[in-house]
Amino acid sequence: MIPSFKTKLAAGDTVIVVNPDHPSSSLVEFIGRLGVDAVMIDTEQGSPDVESVEEMARAARVAGLCALVRIYSPEANIIERYMFRGIHGIIVPRVDSGAQARKVVEDVRYCFPNNFQEKVVIVQIESAAAVRDIDAFLAVPEIDCFFIGVVDLSKSLGFKGDYRAPEVVRQIDGTIEKILAAGRRVGIMVKEDDLAAWRRKGVQFLYTHLNDFAVMGADRFQKLLAAAD
């Protein structure tokens, strides 16, 4: 299952990654029925603790999903603590330089010296400093995907979270173009109204929330109900 996720990503195929939004192994197991490729268990902005991560990762394996964890900080001890919870890979925020990104790779390799190639390593590009240093990020071949954190990037650029501001869009588009030109993979958070636009720009790692899935389903239900009255 995990080689399939890495293979799809490396081949440039679309992968769908869903945040369960709740520290629930049963929700993770349910997500396995939705035709997605991976779950992203979020310990940076979400509430799962280490024990929850272990249970949710176990459910992901049972459901045939790749289990990714977004850790809350890139320190080596945090990487080690979560990588040993039965997960398949990590998404690492707060990385502002290529040198930091290289250190992340080496810390994961330290945890798994014999099967490092099976692990998924994703770093977030979410600051003006990271955008400026993108060439150094791209010089680290072991990174499987560069996830652009559009909201935090917009804040770093002085736009208070407005990632649709023209200057922020210009910075995002330029970063995507550089990543794709290097033959690498791009991830981004997608919404119902912008998914198609991100795909046209070449984004392959499509990240969304189970809560958003529920909202879309509820909206469709309400429309069906209105049509039945």
C-alpha atoms as a PDB file:
ATOM      1  CA  MET A   1       0.000   0.000   0.000  1.00  0.00           C
ATOM      2  CA  ILE A   2       2.653   2.539   0.972  1.00  0.00           C
ATOM      3  CA  PRO A   3       4.864   1.797  -2.073  1.00  0.00           C
ATOM      4  CA  SER A   4       1.741   2.420  -4.162  1.00  0.00           C
ATOM      5  CA  PHE A   5       1.288   5.881  -2.597  1.00  0.00           C
ATOM      6  CA  LYS A   6       4.913   6.795  -3.168  1.00  0.00           C
ATOM      7  CA  THR A   7       4.789   5.365  -6.676  1.00  0.00           C
ATOM      8  CA  LYS A   8       1.678   7.352  -7.557  1.00  0.00           C
ATOM      9  CA  LEU A   9       3.228  10.523  -6.193  1.00  0.00           C
ATOM     10  CA  ALA A  10       6.524   9.943  -7.996  1.00  0.00           C
ATOM     11  CA  ALA A  11       4.702   9.224 -11.253  1.00  0.00           C
ATOM     12  CA  GLY A  12       2.821  12.501 -11.059  1.00  0.00           C
ATOM     13  CA  ASP A  13      -0.551  10.877 -10.487  1.00  0.00           C
ATOM     14  CA  THR A  14      -3.140  12.638  -8.372  1.00  0.00           C
ATOM     15  CA  VAL A  15      -3.239  11.620  -4.719  1.00  0.00           C
ATOM     16  CA  ILE A  16      -6.064  12.598  -2.384  1.00  0.00           C
ATOM     17  CA  VAL A  17      -5.176  13.180   1.256  1.00  0.00           C
ATOM     18  CA  VAL A  18      -7.870  13.734   3.881  1.00  0.00           C
ATOM     19  CA  ASN A  19      -7.531  15.162   7.368  1.00  0.00           C
ATOM     20  CA  PRO A  20      -9.922  13.205   9.639  1.00  0.00           C
ATOM     21  CA  ASP A  21     -10.360  16.400  11.726  1.00  0.00           C
ATOM     22  CA  HIS A  22     -11.131  14.312  14.834  1.00  0.00           C
ATOM     23  CA  PRO A  23      -8.894  11.977  16.888  1.00  0.00           C
ATOM     24  CA  SER A  24     -10.880   8.883  15.893  1.00  0.00           C
ATOM     25  CA  SER A  25      -9.615   5.567  14.563  1.00  0.00           C
ATOM     26  CA  SER A  26     -13.127   4.628  13.419  1.00  0.00           C
ATOM     27  CA  LEU A  27     -13.272   7.762  11.262  1.00  0.00           C
ATOM     28  CA  VAL A  28      -9.933   6.831   9.704  1.00  0.00           C
ATOM     29  CA  GLU A  29     -11.266   3.371   8.911  1.00  0.00           C
ATOM     30  CA  PHE A  30     -14.368   4.951   7.337  1.00  0.00           C
ATOM     31  CA  ILE A  31     -12.221   7.273   5.207  1.00  0.00           C
ATOM     32  CA  GLY A  32     -10.722   4.138   3.681  1.00  0.00           C
ATOM     33  CA  ARG A  33     -14.060   3.600   1.903  1.00  0.00           C
ATOM     34  CA  LEU A  34     -14.056   7.005   0.215  1.00  0.00           C
ATOM     35  CA  GLY A  35     -11.540   6.333  -2.542  1.00  0.00           C
ATOM     36  CA  VAL A  36      -8.767   8.460  -1.087  1.00  0.00           C
ATOM     37  CA  ASP A  37      -5.071   7.603  -0.874  1.00  0.00           C
ATOM     38  CA  ALA A  38      -3.968   8.802   2.544  1.00  0.00           C
ATOM     39  CA  VAL A  39      -4.989  10.369   5.812  1.00  0.00           C
ATOM     40  CA  MET A  40      -3.125  13.277   7.313  1.00  0.00           C
ATOM     41  CA  ILE A  41      -3.300  13.087  11.099  1.00  0.00           C
ATOM     42  CA  ASP A  42      -2.728  16.661  12.204  1.00  0.00           C
ATOM     43  CA  THR A  43      -0.862  17.225  15.462  1.00  0.00           C
ATOM     44  CA  GLU A  44       0.071  20.807  14.585  1.00  0.00           C
ATOM     45  CA  GLN A  45      -3.393  22.365  14.470  1.00  0.00           C
ATOM     46  CA  GLY A  46      -5.501  19.348  15.469  1.00  0.00           C
ATOM     47  CA  SER A  47      -6.073  17.586  18.779  1.00  0.00           C
ATOM     48  CA  PRO A  48      -4.618  14.042  18.306  1.00  0.00           C
ATOM     49  CA  ASP A  49      -2.051  13.072  20.940  1.00  0.00           C
ATOM     50  CA  VAL A  50       0.650  10.452  20.512  1.00  0.00           C
ATOM     51  CA  GLU A  51      -1.585   7.598  21.629  1.00  0.00           C
ATOM     52  CA  SER A  52      -4.343   8.732  19.248  1.00  0.00           C
ATOM     53  CA  VAL A  53      -1.839   8.833  16.402  1.00  0.00           C
ATOM     54  CA  GLU A  54      -0.829   5.242  17.068  1.00  0.00           C
ATOM     55  CA  GLU A  55      -4.460   4.059  17.048  1.00  0.00           C
ATOM     56  CA  MET A  56      -5.348   6.089  13.957  1.00  0.00           C
ATOM     57  CA  ALA A  57      -2.280   4.817  12.105  1.00  0.00           C
ATOM     58  CA  ARG A  58      -3.295   1.252  12.954  1.00  0.00           C
ATOM     59  CA  ALA A  59      -6.770   1.923  11.521  1.00  0.00           C
ATOM     60  CA  ALA A  60      -5.210   3.406   8.377  1.00  0.00           C
ATOM     61  CA  ARG A  61      -3.150   0.292   7.804  1.00  0.00           C
ATOM     62  CA  VAL A  62      -6.248  -1.888   8.219  1.00  0.00           C
ATOM     63  CA  ALA A  63      -8.164   0.342   5.771  1.00  0.00           C
ATOM     64  CA  GLY A  64      -5.367   0.266   3.186  1.00  0.00           C
ATOM     65  CA  LEU A  65      -4.498   3.941   3.566  1.00  0.00           C
ATOM     66  CA  CYS A  66      -1.168   5.671   3.809  1.00  0.00           C
ATOM     67  CA  ALA A  67      -0.881   7.190   7.293  1.00  0.00           C
ATOM     68  CA  LEU A  68       0.806  10.597   7.300  1.00  0.00           C
ATOM     69  CA  VAL A  69       1.268  12.720  10.388  1.00  0.00           C
ATOM     70  CA  ARG A  70       1.770  16.455  10.355  1.00  0.00           C
ATOM     71  CA  ILE A  71       4.019  17.056  13.307  1.00  0.00           C
ATOM     72  CA  TYR A  72       4.037  20.382  15.117  1.00  0.00           C
ATOM     73  CA  SER A  73       7.733  21.238  14.903  1.00  0.00           C
ATOM     74  CA  PRO A  74      10.736  19.921  12.943  1.00  0.00           C
ATOM     75  CA  GLU A  75      12.993  18.950  15.865  1.00  0.00           C
ATOM     76  CA  ALA A  76      14.691  15.543  15.686  1.00  0.00           C
ATOM     77  CA  ASN A  77      13.123  14.213  18.907  1.00  0.00           C
ATOM     78  CA  ILE A  78       9.626  15.042  17.654  1.00  0.00           C
ATOM     79  CA  ILE A  79      10.283  13.362  14.296  1.00  0.00           C
ATOM     80  CA  GLU A  80      11.562  10.274  16.084  1.00  0.00           C
ATOM     81  CA  ARG A  81       8.649  10.131  18.514  1.00  0.00           C
ATOM     82  CA  TYR A  82       6.029  10.125  15.764  1.00  0.00           C
ATOM     83  CA  MET A  83       7.861   8.061  13.161  1.00  0.00           C
ATOM     84  CA  PHE A  84       7.909   5.159  15.627  1.00  0.00           C
ATOM     85  CA  ARG A  85       4.117   5.187  16.000  1.00  0.00           C
ATOM     86  CA  GLY A  86       3.504   2.938  12.992  1.00  0.00           C
ATOM     87  CA  ILE A  87       3.006   5.751  10.494  1.00  0.00           C
ATOM     88  CA  HIS A  88       4.189   5.771   6.892  1.00  0.00           C
ATOM     89  CA  GLY A  89       5.486   9.301   6.715  1.00  0.00           C
ATOM     90  CA  ILE A  90       5.488  12.848   8.024  1.00  0.00           C
ATOM     91  CA  ILE A  91       4.517  16.303   6.892  1.00  0.00           C
ATOM     92  CA  VAL A  92       6.841  18.838   8.471  1.00  0.00           C
ATOM     93  CA  PRO A  93       5.870  22.491   9.028  1.00  0.00           C
ATOM     94  CA  ARG A  94       7.986  25.466  10.135  1.00  0.00           C
ATOM     95  CA  VAL A  95      10.824  24.685   7.739  1.00  0.00           C
ATOM     96  CA  ASP A  96      12.291  27.938   6.425  1.00  0.00           C
ATOM     97  CA  SER A  97      15.441  26.812   4.628  1.00  0.00           C
ATOM     98  CA  GLY A  98      16.817  24.068   2.454  1.00  0.00           C
ATOM     99  CA  ALA A  99      19.331  23.291   5.178  1.00  0.00           C
ATOM    100  CA  GLN A 100      16.496  22.611   7.629  1.00  0.00           C
ATOM    101  CA  ALA A 101      14.777  20.435   5.027  1.00  0.00           C
ATOM    102  CA  ARG A 102      17.928  18.383   4.573  1.00  0.00           C
ATOM    103  CA  LYS A 103      18.138  17.927   8.346  1.00  0.00           C
ATOM    104  CA  VAL A 104      14.544  16.610   8.376  1.00  0.00           C
ATOM    105  CA  VAL A 105      15.499  13.980   5.812  1.00  0.00           C
ATOM    106  CA  GLU A 106      18.522  12.907   7.805  1.00  0.00           C
ATOM    107  CA  ASP A 107      16.497  12.672  11.009  1.00  0.00           C
ATOM    108  CA  VAL A 108      13.985  10.360   9.315  1.00  0.00           C
ATOM    109  CA  ARG A 109      16.850   8.309   7.898  1.00  0.00           C
ATOM    110  CA  TYR A 110      18.303   8.038  11.400  1.00  0.00           C
ATOM    111  CA  CYS A 111      15.032   6.443  12.549  1.00  0.00           C
ATOM    112  CA  PHE A 112      14.919   3.996   9.642  1.00  0.00           C
ATOM    113  CA  PRO A 113      18.417   3.435   8.239  1.00  0.00           C
ATOM    114  CA  ASN A 114      17.467   0.170   6.504  1.00  0.00           C
ATOM    115  CA  ASN A 115      14.099   1.072   4.996  1.00  0.00           C
ATOM    116  CA  PHE A 116      14.189   4.842   4.729  1.00  0.00           C
ATOM    117  CA  GLN A 117      13.200   4.608   1.053  1.00  0.00           C
ATOM    118  CA  GLU A 118       9.780   3.280   2.103  1.00  0.00           C
ATOM    119  CA  LYS A 119       8.965   6.372   4.183  1.00  0.00           C
ATOM    120  CA  VAL A 120       7.208   9.474   2.901  1.00  0.00           C
ATOM    121  CA  VAL A 121       8.854  12.821   3.636  1.00  0.00           C
ATOM    122  CA  ILE A 122       6.906  15.988   2.899  1.00  0.00           C
ATOM    123  CA  VAL A 123       7.969  19.486   3.902  1.00  0.00           C
ATOM    124  CA  GLN A 124       5.800  22.561   3.993  1.00  0.00           C
ATOM    125  CA  ILE A 125       6.668  25.724   2.106  1.00  0.00           C
ATOM    126  CA  GLU A 126       4.814  28.308   4.153  1.00  0.00           C
ATOM    127  CA  SER A 127       7.002  31.351   4.682  1.00  0.00           C
ATOM    128  CA  ALA A 128       8.577  34.088   2.608  1.00  0.00           C
ATOM    129  CA  ALA A 129      11.990  32.734   3.662  1.00  0.00           C
ATOM    130  CA  ALA A 130      11.138  29.258   2.362  1.00  0.00           C
ATOM    131  CA  VAL A 131       9.958  30.677  -0.970  1.00  0.00           C
ATOM    132  CA  ARG A 132      13.203  32.613  -1.318  1.00  0.00           C
ATOM    133  CA  ASP A 133      15.214  29.459  -0.610  1.00  0.00           C
ATOM    134  CA  ILE A 134      13.149  27.109  -2.783  1.00  0.00           C
ATOM    135  CA  ASP A 135      16.135  26.142  -4.949  1.00  0.00           C
ATOM    136  CA  ALA A 136      17.900  24.797  -1.853  1.00  0.00           C
ATOM    137  CA  PHE A 137      14.773  22.793  -0.937  1.00  0.00           C
ATOM    138  CA  LEU A 138      14.732  21.324  -4.436  1.00  0.00           C
ATOM    139  CA  ALA A 139      18.355  20.247  -4.015  1.00  0.00           C
ATOM    140  CA  VAL A 140      17.202  17.664  -1.437  1.00  0.00           C
ATOM    141  CA  PRO A 141      16.181  14.694  -3.623  1.00  0.00           C
ATOM    142  CA  GLU A 142      14.680  12.567  -0.839  1.00  0.00           C
ATOM    143  CA  ILE A 143      11.737  14.922  -0.261  1.00  0.00           C
ATOM    144  CA  ASP A 144       8.674  13.311  -1.835  1.00  0.00           C
ATOM    145  CA  CYS A 145       6.490  16.423  -2.010  1.00  0.00           C
ATOM    146  CA  PHE A 146       6.557  20.123  -1.217  1.00  0.00           C
ATOM    147  CA  PHE A 147       3.312  21.177   0.455  1.00  0.00           C
ATOM    148  CA  ILE A 148       2.563  24.874   0.051  1.00  0.00           C
ATOM    149  CA  GLY A 149       0.828  26.230   3.144  1.00  0.00           C
ATOM    150  CA  VAL A 150      -1.072  29.040   1.455  1.00  0.00           C
ATOM    151  CA  VAL A 151      -2.628  30.633   4.545  1.00  0.00           C
ATOM    152  CA  ASP A 152       0.601  30.825   6.542  1.00  0.00           C
ATOM    153  CA  LEU A 153       2.509  31.947   3.458  1.00  0.00           C
ATOM    154  CA  SER A 154       0.065  34.795   2.960  1.00  0.00           C
ATOM    155  CA  LYS A 155       0.537  35.822   6.599  1.00  0.00           C
ATOM    156  CA  SER A 156       4.314  35.718   6.186  1.00  0.00           C
ATOM    157  CA  LEU A 157       3.987  37.966   3.130  1.00  0.00           C
ATOM    158  CA  GLY A 158       1.892  40.448   5.108  1.00  0.00           C
ATOM    159  CA  PHE A 159      -1.571  39.594   3.778  1.00  0.00           C
ATOM    160  CA  LYS A 160      -3.169  38.288   6.992  1.00  0.00           C
ATOM    161  CA  GLY A 161      -4.217  34.896   5.629  1.00  0.00           C
ATOM    162  CA  ASP A 162      -5.665  36.152   2.325  1.00  0.00           C
ATOM    163  CA  TYR A 163      -4.077  33.650  -0.031  1.00  0.00           C
ATOM    164  CA  ARG A 164      -6.134  34.981  -2.951  1.00  0.00           C
ATOM    165  CA  ALA A 165      -4.431  38.390  -2.851  1.00  0.00           C
ATOM    166  CA  PRO A 166      -2.695  38.981  -6.240  1.00  0.00           C
ATOM    167  CA  GLU A 167       0.820  39.157  -4.780  1.00  0.00           C
ATOM    168  CA  VAL A 168       0.302  35.959  -2.794  1.00  0.00           C
ATOM    169  CA  VAL A 169      -1.053  34.208  -5.894  1.00  0.00           C
ATOM    170  CA  ARG A 170       1.999  35.370  -7.826  1.00  0.00           C
ATOM    171  CA  GLN A 171       4.333  33.949  -5.188  1.00  0.00           C
ATOM    172  CA  ILE A 172       2.417  30.667  -5.015  1.00  0.00           C
ATOM    173  CA  ASP A 173       2.284  30.265  -8.795  1.00  0.00           C
ATOM    174  CA  GLY A 174       5.997  31.016  -9.134  1.00  0.00           C
ATOM    175  CA  THR A 175       6.837  28.457  -6.449  1.00  0.00           C
ATOM    176  CA  ILE A 176       4.652  25.807  -8.096  1.00  0.00           C
ATOM    177  CA  GLU A 177       6.311  26.469 -11.447  1.00  0.00           C
ATOM    178  CA  LYS A 178       9.801  26.087  -9.968  1.00  0.00           C
ATOM    179  CA  ILE A 179       8.897  22.842  -8.209  1.00  0.00           C
ATOM    180  CA  LEU A 180       7.324  21.339 -11.323  1.00  0.00           C
ATOM    181  CA  ALA A 181      10.198  22.517 -13.553  1.00  0.00           C
ATOM    182  CA  ALA A 182      12.537  20.541 -11.283  1.00  0.00           C
ATOM    183  CA  GLY A 183      10.430  17.417 -11.852  1.00  0.00           C
ATOM    184  CA  ARG A 184       9.161  17.424  -8.263  1.00  0.00           C
ATOM    185  CA  ARG A 185       5.706  17.194  -6.692  1.00  0.00           C
ATOM    186  CA  VAL A 186       3.472  19.890  -5.223  1.00  0.00           C
ATOM    187  CA  GLY A 187       0.792  19.642  -2.549  1.00  0.00           C
ATOM    188  CA  ILE A 188      -1.816  22.197  -1.545  1.00  0.00           C
ATOM    189  CA  MET A 189      -5.049  22.510   0.434  1.00  0.00           C
ATOM    190  CA  VAL A 190      -8.013  22.472  -1.933  1.00  0.00           C
ATOM    191  CA  LYS A 191     -11.578  23.691  -1.564  1.00  0.00           C
ATOM    192  CA  GLU A 192     -14.639  22.893  -3.627  1.00  0.00           C
ATOM    193  CA  ASP A 193     -14.333  26.183  -5.527  1.00  0.00           C
ATOM    194  CA  ASP A 194     -10.612  26.003  -6.340  1.00  0.00           C
ATOM    195  CA  LEU A 195      -9.788  22.303  -6.775  1.00  0.00           C
ATOM    196  CA  ALA A 196      -9.965  22.450 -10.583  1.00  0.00           C
ATOM    197  CA  ALA A 197      -7.780  25.558 -10.705  1.00  0.00           C
ATOM    198  CA  TRP A 198      -5.040  23.963  -8.600  1.00  0.00           C
ATOM    199  CA  ARG A 199      -5.117  20.832 -10.766  1.00  0.00           C
ATOM    200  CA  ARG A 200      -4.699  22.957 -13.900  1.00  0.00           C
ATOM    201  CA  LYS A 201      -1.636  24.504 -12.280  1.00  0.00           C
ATOM    202  CA  GLY A 202      -0.114  21.045 -11.842  1.00  0.00           C
ATOM    203  CA  VAL A 203      -0.794  20.332  -8.168  1.00  0.00           C
ATOM    204  CA  GLN A 204      -0.934  16.564  -7.595  1.00  0.00           C
ATOM    205  CA  PHE A 205      -1.144  16.200  -3.813  1.00  0.00           C
ATOM    206  CA  LEU A 206      -4.671  17.372  -3.044  1.00  0.00           C
ATOM    207  CA  TYR A 207      -5.307  17.921   0.649  1.00  0.00           C
ATOM    208  CA  THR A 208      -8.743  18.439   2.152  1.00  0.00           C
ATOM    209  CA  HIS A 209     -10.707  17.926   5.377  1.00  0.00           C
ATOM    210  CA  LEU A 210     -13.292  15.328   6.282  1.00  0.00           C
ATOM    211  CA  ASN A 211     -15.331  18.214   7.710  1.00  0.00           C
ATOM    212  CA  ASP A 212     -15.400  19.763   4.216  1.00  0.00           C
ATOM    213  CA  PHE A 213     -16.528  16.422   2.785  1.00  0.00           C
ATOM    214  CA  ALA A 214     -19.376  16.441   5.322  1.00  0.00           C
ATOM    215  CA  VAL A 215     -20.364  20.012   4.437  1.00  0.00           C
ATOM    216  CA  MET A 216     -20.468  19.160   0.720  1.00  0.00           C
ATOM    217  CA  GLY A 217     -22.535  16.066   1.465  1.00  0.00           C
ATOM    218  CA  ALA A 218     -24.915  18.039   3.667  1.00  0.00           C
ATOM    219  CA  ASP A 219     -25.322  20.664   0.962  1.00  0.00           C
ATOM    220  CA  ARG A 220     -26.166  17.989  -1.596  1.00  0.00           C
ATOM    221  CA  PHE A 221     -28.632  16.418   0.845  1.00  0.00           C
ATOM    222  CA  GLN A 222     -30.387  19.757   1.349  1.00  0.00           C
ATOM    223  CA  LYS A 223     -30.666  20.223  -2.433  1.00  0.00           C
ATOM    224  CA  LEU A 224     -32.121  16.728  -2.813  1.00  0.00           C
ATOM    225  CA  LEU A 225     -34.586  17.479  -0.047  1.00  0.00           C
ATOM    226  CA  ALA A 226     -35.607  20.765  -1.651  1.00  0.00           C
ATOM    227  CA  ALA A 227     -36.134  19.026  -4.983  1.00  0.00           C
ATOM    228  CA  ALA A 228     -38.335  16.403  -3.309  1.00  0.00           C
ATOM    229  CA  ASP A 229     -40.677  18.971  -1.713  1.00  0.00           C
END
